């Protein structure tokens, strides 16, 4: 599985790793996400993974719907920007909590309804800093649009990053048909992934084949909806736009 590492907004992790986090996305329709909790990232992800989108700031592609959700919207449109492949043909959104919230363990969960269609790549994940993969990455949930019944959980670190990440898939219903809860329970040297309360994968240092376990410090949270890329492939003639990743809540405790 390829890492989603890209252009990030980093700030010092001054918040205690034991602090709780909760966002139920209450607020008026059309408002941006709470700036005290989230940073909006912008740009083309430096061309990483050969993704096709330009991430925008503010509510242009990620806004509250007035019904308790944050909606990340991928659009096929002229962004006015230049991507690695030429004029950017898509816009979308990516948000993180760097400098606002970081956690060194606990129960971290998100309830979301996924987009559908070839080339869609929604994710909820965590990074341990700006030195990837040495600082570590925990993918709580990734999905690629051509596999609507499958989500993935993965860890990346030194010696097990990118396509060498260690993880497993979960097979379920069509995850674009309704809301589902994706979570990890992270306690010291163990991370357990679950979907709707059903645990499907556990990872410990014993799974790393002698490589270093780097999940021993604070990580911040990331929500994004990528378009295209080496893993999902690019949108095709059957992909309908706009597509939406609808987030009901993000909780960490």
Protein backbone atom coordinates (compact mmCIF):
# COMPACT_ATOMS: atom_id res chain seq x y z
CA UNK A 1 0.00 0.00 0.00
CA UNK A 2 1.37 3.40 -0.93
CA UNK A 3 1.77 6.12 1.66
CA UNK A 4 -0.43 9.19 1.50
CA UNK A 5 2.42 11.40 2.72
CA UNK A 6 2.44 14.77 1.04
CA UNK A 7 2.37 18.51 1.54
CA UNK A 8 1.69 19.01 5.21
CA UNK A 9 1.01 21.87 7.56
CA UNK A 10 3.30 21.25 10.53
CA UNK A 11 3.32 23.07 13.82
CA UNK A 12 4.85 22.15 17.17
CA UNK A 13 2.92 19.42 18.96
CA UNK A 14 2.39 21.39 22.12
CA UNK A 15 -0.87 19.69 23.04
CA UNK A 16 -0.62 16.85 25.54
CA UNK A 17 -0.66 13.40 24.03
CA UNK A 18 -3.24 12.41 26.64
CA UNK A 19 -5.72 15.12 25.63
CA UNK A 20 -9.08 14.09 24.17
CA UNK A 21 -10.41 15.33 20.86
CA UNK A 22 -13.99 15.59 19.65
CA UNK A 23 -15.54 17.20 16.60
CA UNK A 24 -19.18 16.54 15.73
CA UNK A 25 -19.16 19.19 13.00
CA UNK A 26 -22.04 21.24 14.29
CA UNK A 27 -22.44 24.64 12.69
CA UNK A 28 -24.14 26.42 9.83
CA UNK A 29 -24.22 24.99 6.32
CA UNK A 30 -21.37 26.25 4.19
CA UNK A 31 -19.03 27.04 7.10
CA UNK A 32 -15.46 25.83 7.10
CA UNK A 33 -14.21 23.30 9.65
CA UNK A 34 -13.28 24.66 13.09
CA UNK A 35 -9.93 26.41 12.71
CA UNK A 36 -9.11 25.75 16.36
CA UNK A 37 -9.12 22.03 15.55
CA UNK A 38 -8.19 21.68 11.86
CA UNK A 39 -5.68 23.00 9.33
CA UNK A 40 -6.59 22.99 5.64
CA UNK A 41 -3.73 21.77 3.46
CA UNK A 42 -3.36 23.14 -0.07
CA UNK A 43 -1.57 22.15 -3.24
CA UNK A 44 -1.06 19.07 -5.38
CA UNK A 45 0.57 16.88 -2.70
CA UNK A 46 3.91 17.52 -4.48
CA UNK A 47 2.87 14.92 -7.05
CA UNK A 48 3.24 12.14 -4.48
CA UNK A 49 1.52 8.91 -5.53
CA UNK A 50 0.70 10.63 -8.85
CA UNK A 51 -2.55 11.93 -7.41
CA UNK A 52 -4.56 14.28 -9.64
CA UNK A 53 -6.22 16.74 -7.25
CA UNK A 54 -5.45 20.25 -6.07
CA UNK A 55 -6.33 20.63 -2.39
CA UNK A 56 -8.09 23.91 -1.65
CA UNK A 57 -8.35 26.07 1.47
CA UNK A 58 -11.47 26.86 3.45
CA UNK A 59 -14.97 25.75 2.59
CA UNK A 60 -14.52 25.47 -1.18
CA UNK A 61 -14.14 21.68 -1.00
CA UNK A 62 -14.69 20.90 2.69
CA UNK A 63 -17.64 22.50 4.46
CA UNK A 64 -20.23 21.79 7.10
CA UNK A 65 -23.65 20.78 5.76
CA UNK A 66 -25.66 22.22 8.67
CA UNK A 67 -26.79 18.72 9.65
CA UNK A 68 -23.80 17.72 11.77
CA UNK A 69 -21.43 16.61 9.01
CA UNK A 70 -18.23 17.78 7.39
CA UNK A 71 -18.39 17.11 3.65
CA UNK A 72 -15.17 16.76 1.65
CA UNK A 73 -16.05 17.16 -2.04
CA UNK A 74 -13.95 16.09 -5.02
CA UNK A 75 -14.83 18.05 -8.15
CA UNK A 76 -13.78 17.77 -11.75
CA UNK A 77 -12.97 21.36 -12.62
CA UNK A 78 -10.22 23.70 -13.72
CA UNK A 79 -8.46 24.58 -10.47
CA UNK A 80 -6.44 27.42 -11.98
CA UNK A 81 -3.28 25.70 -10.73
CA UNK A 82 -0.55 23.59 -12.27
CA UNK A 83 -0.06 20.01 -11.07
CA UNK A 84 2.72 17.55 -11.82
CA UNK A 85 0.89 16.38 -14.96
CA UNK A 86 -0.15 19.83 -16.25
CA UNK A 87 -3.19 22.01 -15.48
CA UNK A 88 -4.94 20.46 -12.44
CA UNK A 89 -8.22 18.90 -13.52
CA UNK A 90 -9.68 18.17 -10.08
CA UNK A 91 -10.07 19.86 -6.71
CA UNK A 92 -10.59 18.28 -3.30
CA UNK A 93 -9.73 18.75 0.39
CA UNK A 94 -7.31 17.55 3.04
CA UNK A 95 -7.32 18.60 6.70
CA UNK A 96 -5.06 17.82 9.65
CA UNK A 97 -4.75 18.57 13.36
CA UNK A 98 -1.01 19.30 13.44
CA UNK A 99 -0.29 21.77 16.23
CA UNK A 100 -3.86 21.50 17.48
CA UNK A 101 -4.18 17.91 18.61
CA UNK A 102 -1.89 14.90 18.82
CA UNK A 103 -2.31 11.60 20.61
CA UNK A 104 0.10 8.95 21.78
CA UNK A 105 -2.56 6.26 22.03
CA UNK A 106 -6.12 5.48 23.02
CA UNK A 107 -9.30 4.95 21.05
CA UNK A 108 -9.43 6.98 17.84
CA UNK A 109 -12.50 6.72 15.63
CA UNK A 110 -14.32 8.35 12.75
CA UNK A 111 -17.83 7.79 11.40
CA UNK A 112 -18.04 8.38 7.67
CA UNK A 113 -19.91 7.66 4.47
CA UNK A 114 -17.47 7.02 1.63
CA UNK A 115 -17.55 8.23 -1.96
CA UNK A 116 -17.78 5.77 -4.82
CA UNK A 117 -16.24 5.34 -8.25
CA UNK A 118 -12.97 4.57 -9.96
CA UNK A 119 -10.16 6.87 -8.82
CA UNK A 120 -11.61 7.87 -5.45
CA UNK A 121 -9.21 7.53 -2.48
CA UNK A 122 -10.67 8.60 0.90
CA UNK A 123 -8.66 8.15 4.08
CA UNK A 124 -8.52 8.82 7.81
CA UNK A 125 -4.96 8.46 9.08
CA UNK A 126 -2.25 9.74 11.41
CA UNK A 127 1.34 10.94 11.13
CA UNK A 128 4.00 11.12 13.83
CA UNK A 129 5.82 14.13 12.37
CA UNK A 130 7.47 15.46 9.23
CA UNK A 131 10.25 12.88 8.86
CA UNK A 132 8.49 10.07 6.98
CA UNK A 133 8.69 7.13 7.37
CA UNK A 134 10.92 7.37 10.46
CA UNK A 135 8.20 9.18 12.43
CA UNK A 136 5.57 6.60 11.48
CA UNK A 137 2.15 6.55 9.85
CA UNK A 138 -1.05 4.84 11.02
CA UNK A 139 -3.76 4.45 8.39
CA UNK A 140 -6.99 3.97 10.34
CA UNK A 141 -9.02 3.62 7.14
CA UNK A 142 -8.27 3.79 3.43
CA UNK A 143 -10.51 2.84 0.53
CA UNK A 144 -10.10 2.87 -3.23
CA UNK A 145 -13.19 3.42 -5.30
CA UNK A 146 -12.93 0.31 -7.43
CA UNK A 147 -13.27 -1.79 -4.23
CA UNK A 148 -16.44 -0.39 -2.62
CA UNK A 149 -16.71 -3.34 -0.21
CA UNK A 150 -13.13 -3.17 1.12
CA UNK A 151 -11.32 -0.88 3.54
CA UNK A 152 -7.70 -1.15 4.65
CA UNK A 153 -5.74 -0.50 7.85
CA UNK A 154 -1.95 -0.16 7.65
CA UNK A 155 1.16 0.98 9.52
CA UNK A 156 4.25 2.49 7.88
CA UNK A 157 7.67 2.99 9.42
CA UNK A 158 11.38 2.60 8.67
CA UNK A 159 11.79 -0.59 6.64
CA UNK A 160 8.05 -1.09 6.13
CA UNK A 161 6.78 1.94 4.25
CA UNK A 162 4.94 2.66 1.02
CA UNK A 163 4.07 -0.58 -0.78
CA UNK A 164 5.84 -2.41 2.06
CA UNK A 165 3.46 -1.12 4.72
CA UNK A 166 2.07 -3.74 7.08
CA UNK A 167 -1.71 -4.05 7.11
CA UNK A 168 -4.84 -5.96 6.22
CA UNK A 169 -8.16 -5.45 4.41
CA UNK A 170 -11.65 -5.67 5.89
CA UNK A 171 -14.42 -6.96 3.63
CA UNK A 172 -17.92 -5.68 4.34
CA UNK A 173 -20.89 -4.00 2.71
CA UNK A 174 -20.69 -1.27 0.10
CA UNK A 175 -19.19 1.43 2.31
CA UNK A 176 -20.57 4.20 0.09
CA UNK A 177 -24.17 3.19 0.85
CA UNK A 178 -24.19 4.46 4.44
CA UNK A 179 -22.23 5.55 7.50
CA UNK A 180 -19.76 3.20 9.19
CA UNK A 181 -17.36 3.63 12.11
CA UNK A 182 -13.63 3.06 11.60
CA UNK A 183 -11.35 2.93 14.63
CA UNK A 184 -8.05 1.94 16.16
CA UNK A 185 -7.32 1.07 19.76
CA UNK A 186 -3.68 1.96 20.31
CA UNK A 187 -2.05 0.99 23.60
CA UNK A 188 1.72 1.02 23.84
CA UNK A 189 3.04 -1.81 21.69
CA UNK A 190 -0.27 -2.85 20.16
CA UNK A 191 -2.68 -1.36 17.61
CA UNK A 192 -6.08 -2.96 16.90
CA UNK A 193 -8.25 -1.94 13.93
CA UNK A 194 -12.03 -2.27 13.83
CA UNK A 195 -15.01 -1.49 11.63
CA UNK A 196 -18.37 -0.92 13.35
CA UNK A 197 -16.90 -2.37 16.53
CA UNK A 198 -15.63 -5.56 14.83
CA UNK A 199 -11.88 -5.98 15.32
CA UNK A 200 -10.15 -7.35 12.23
CA UNK A 201 -6.42 -6.75 12.67
CA UNK A 202 -3.83 -6.45 15.46
CA UNK A 203 -0.23 -5.31 15.01
CA UNK A 204 2.65 -5.43 17.50
CA UNK A 205 6.46 -5.14 17.22
CA UNK A 206 6.52 -8.88 16.50
CA UNK A 207 5.02 -8.16 13.06
CA UNK A 208 7.88 -5.90 11.95
CA UNK A 209 10.49 -8.59 11.15
CA UNK A 210 13.12 -6.86 13.25
CA UNK A 211 12.35 -3.33 12.06
CA UNK A 212 11.77 -0.54 14.57
CA UNK A 213 8.38 0.07 16.19
CA UNK A 214 7.91 3.86 15.98
CA UNK A 215 4.43 4.16 17.49
CA UNK A 216 5.63 5.45 20.83
CA UNK A 217 5.08 9.22 20.49
CA UNK A 218 2.25 11.63 19.58
CA UNK A 219 0.58 11.48 16.17
CA UNK A 220 -1.78 14.01 14.61
CA UNK A 221 -4.94 13.24 12.61
CA UNK A 222 -5.59 13.64 8.88
CA UNK A 223 -8.77 13.48 6.77
CA UNK A 224 -8.55 13.62 3.00
CA UNK A 225 -10.17 12.67 -0.28
CA UNK A 226 -7.57 12.11 -3.00
CA UNK A 227 -8.39 11.75 -6.69
CA UNK A 228 -6.40 9.22 -8.70
CA UNK A 229 -2.96 7.92 -7.89
CA UNK A 230 -0.81 4.86 -8.38
CA UNK A 231 -2.89 2.64 -6.10
CA UNK A 232 -6.50 3.55 -6.94
CA UNK A 233 -5.78 4.47 -10.57
CA UNK A 234 -7.21 7.53 -12.24
CA UNK A 235 -10.90 8.33 -12.71
CA UNK A 236 -12.39 6.97 -15.93
CA UNK A 237 -15.42 7.64 -18.07
CA UNK A 238 -17.70 5.93 -15.56
CA UNK A 239 -16.60 8.08 -12.58
CA UNK A 240 -19.26 10.60 -11.68
CA UNK A 241 -18.41 13.98 -10.15
CA UNK A 242 -18.76 15.55 -7.70
CA UNK A 243 -17.99 12.83 -5.14
CA UNK A 244 -18.27 13.31 -1.38
CA UNK A 245 -16.66 11.96 1.77
CA UNK A 246 -19.24 12.73 4.47
CA UNK A 247 -17.79 12.77 8.00
CA UNK A 248 -20.22 12.49 10.92
CA UNK A 249 -17.65 12.85 13.70
CA UNK A 250 -14.04 12.37 14.77
CA UNK A 251 -13.40 11.33 18.38
CA UNK A 252 -10.21 10.43 20.22
CA UNK A 253 -9.94 9.55 23.88
